[in-house]
């Protein structure tokens, strides 16, 4: 389902989702389609966020757009020897 549909079904709450489709805009990953897994209580947000499996994420439906900022850390560059 589209992110705006998920926002309508789960208004103003944290949601664990599986990310189905996305695109890039510069250093941002814009999520277009998600499969909601379950709503998350505010008290469980940190635990759920850090335990999320690959391809899933906790995000708040109060956000109009689902944007993941891609960090390009210069200290993480691979050095060739």
C-alpha atoms as a PDB file:
ATOM      1  CA  UNK A   1       0.000   0.000   0.000  1.00  0.00           C
ATOM      2  CA  UNK A   2       1.088   3.567  -0.542  1.00  0.00           C
ATOM      3  CA  UNK A   3       2.491   5.467   2.452  1.00  0.00           C
ATOM      4  CA  UNK A   4      -0.448   7.902   2.451  1.00  0.00           C
ATOM      5  CA  UNK A   5      -2.874   4.941   2.716  1.00  0.00           C
ATOM      6  CA  UNK A   6      -0.950   3.575   5.716  1.00  0.00           C
ATOM      7  CA  UNK A   7      -1.156   7.033   7.308  1.00  0.00           C
ATOM      8  CA  UNK A   8      -4.937   7.024   6.915  1.00  0.00           C
ATOM      9  CA  UNK A   9      -5.345   3.524   8.380  1.00  0.00           C
ATOM     10  CA  UNK A  10      -2.974   4.162  11.319  1.00  0.00           C
ATOM     11  CA  UNK A  11      -3.289   7.894  12.059  1.00  0.00           C
ATOM     12  CA  UNK A  12      -0.685   9.578  14.274  1.00  0.00           C
ATOM     13  CA  UNK A  13       1.118   6.498  15.560  1.00  0.00           C
ATOM     14  CA  UNK A  14       4.348   4.576  15.224  1.00  0.00           C
ATOM     15  CA  UNK A  15       4.148   1.777  12.716  1.00  0.00           C
ATOM     16  CA  UNK A  16       6.444  -1.162  11.981  1.00  0.00           C
ATOM     17  CA  UNK A  17       6.419  -1.644   8.219  1.00  0.00           C
ATOM     18  CA  UNK A  18       8.061  -3.739   5.586  1.00  0.00           C
ATOM     19  CA  UNK A  19       9.427  -1.474   2.853  1.00  0.00           C
ATOM     20  CA  UNK A  20       8.206  -2.677  -0.540  1.00  0.00           C
ATOM     21  CA  UNK A  21       9.181   0.113  -2.939  1.00  0.00           C
ATOM     22  CA  UNK A  22      11.307   3.245  -2.799  1.00  0.00           C
ATOM     23  CA  UNK A  23      13.327   5.619  -4.932  1.00  0.00           C
ATOM     24  CA  UNK A  24      16.300   7.909  -4.347  1.00  0.00           C
ATOM     25  CA  UNK A  25      16.405  11.693  -4.483  1.00  0.00           C
ATOM     26  CA  UNK A  26      19.984  12.748  -3.860  1.00  0.00           C
ATOM     27  CA  UNK A  27      20.983  11.577  -0.398  1.00  0.00           C
ATOM     28  CA  UNK A  28      17.403  10.613   0.523  1.00  0.00           C
ATOM     29  CA  UNK A  29      15.580   7.301   0.154  1.00  0.00           C
ATOM     30  CA  UNK A  30      11.896   8.060  -0.407  1.00  0.00           C
ATOM     31  CA  UNK A  31       9.664   5.135   0.554  1.00  0.00           C
ATOM     32  CA  UNK A  32       6.660   4.807  -1.735  1.00  0.00           C
ATOM     33  CA  UNK A  33       5.019   1.514  -0.733  1.00  0.00           C
ATOM     34  CA  UNK A  34       4.889  -0.337   2.571  1.00  0.00           C
ATOM     35  CA  UNK A  35       3.253  -3.374   4.121  1.00  0.00           C
ATOM     36  CA  UNK A  36       2.184  -2.499   7.666  1.00  0.00           C
ATOM     37  CA  UNK A  37       3.174  -5.152  10.196  1.00  0.00           C
ATOM     38  CA  UNK A  38       1.821  -3.650  13.417  1.00  0.00           C
ATOM     39  CA  UNK A  39       1.390  -0.451  15.392  1.00  0.00           C
ATOM     40  CA  UNK A  40       4.078   0.206  18.023  1.00  0.00           C
ATOM     41  CA  UNK A  41       3.496   1.652  21.485  1.00  0.00           C
ATOM     42  CA  UNK A  42       5.517   4.787  22.212  1.00  0.00           C
ATOM     43  CA  UNK A  43       7.142   3.025  25.170  1.00  0.00           C
ATOM     44  CA  UNK A  44       8.434   0.251  22.869  1.00  0.00           C
ATOM     45  CA  UNK A  45       9.652   2.524  20.072  1.00  0.00           C
ATOM     46  CA  UNK A  46      13.407   2.366  20.746  1.00  0.00           C
ATOM     47  CA  UNK A  47      13.443  -1.389  21.266  1.00  0.00           C
ATOM     48  CA  UNK A  48      11.438  -2.009  18.095  1.00  0.00           C
ATOM     49  CA  UNK A  49      13.505   0.470  16.080  1.00  0.00           C
ATOM     50  CA  UNK A  50      16.818  -1.156  16.976  1.00  0.00           C
ATOM     51  CA  UNK A  51      15.457  -4.709  16.596  1.00  0.00           C
ATOM     52  CA  UNK A  52      13.921  -4.109  13.167  1.00  0.00           C
ATOM     53  CA  UNK A  53      14.997  -6.674  10.593  1.00  0.00           C
ATOM     54  CA  UNK A  54      16.464  -5.800   7.214  1.00  0.00           C
ATOM     55  CA  UNK A  55      13.798  -4.296   4.975  1.00  0.00           C
ATOM     56  CA  UNK A  56      11.633  -3.185   7.896  1.00  0.00           C
ATOM     57  CA  UNK A  57      11.490   0.066   9.809  1.00  0.00           C
ATOM     58  CA  UNK A  58       9.569   1.873  12.513  1.00  0.00           C
ATOM     59  CA  UNK A  59       8.209   5.205  11.292  1.00  0.00           C
ATOM     60  CA  UNK A  60       5.601   7.661  12.552  1.00  0.00           C
ATOM     61  CA  UNK A  61       2.500   8.150  10.442  1.00  0.00           C
ATOM     62  CA  UNK A  62       2.426  11.813  11.409  1.00  0.00           C
ATOM     63  CA  UNK A  63       5.115  12.289   8.747  1.00  0.00           C
ATOM     64  CA  UNK A  64       3.575  13.182   5.395  1.00  0.00           C
ATOM     65  CA  UNK A  65       6.492  11.635   3.520  1.00  0.00           C
ATOM     66  CA  UNK A  66       8.525   8.556   4.445  1.00  0.00           C
ATOM     67  CA  UNK A  67      12.092   9.794   4.035  1.00  0.00           C
ATOM     68  CA  UNK A  68      15.280   8.014   5.069  1.00  0.00           C
ATOM     69  CA  UNK A  69      18.342  10.250   5.024  1.00  0.00           C
ATOM     70  CA  UNK A  70      21.363   8.383   3.691  1.00  0.00           C
ATOM     71  CA  UNK A  71      24.506   9.141   5.645  1.00  0.00           C
ATOM     72  CA  UNK A  72      27.706   9.038   3.688  1.00  0.00           C
ATOM     73  CA  UNK A  73      30.355   8.975   6.363  1.00  0.00           C
ATOM     74  CA  UNK A  74      33.808   9.756   4.921  1.00  0.00           C
ATOM     75  CA  UNK A  75      35.387   7.740   7.737  1.00  0.00           C
ATOM     76  CA  UNK A  76      33.657   4.602   6.464  1.00  0.00           C
ATOM     77  CA  UNK A  77      35.274   4.591   3.029  1.00  0.00           C
ATOM     78  CA  UNK A  78      36.923   1.364   2.022  1.00  0.00           C
ATOM     79  CA  UNK A  79      40.658   1.687   1.792  1.00  0.00           C
ATOM     80  CA  UNK A  80      42.397  -0.322  -0.881  1.00  0.00           C
ATOM     81  CA  UNK A  81      45.758  -1.723  -0.001  1.00  0.00           C
END
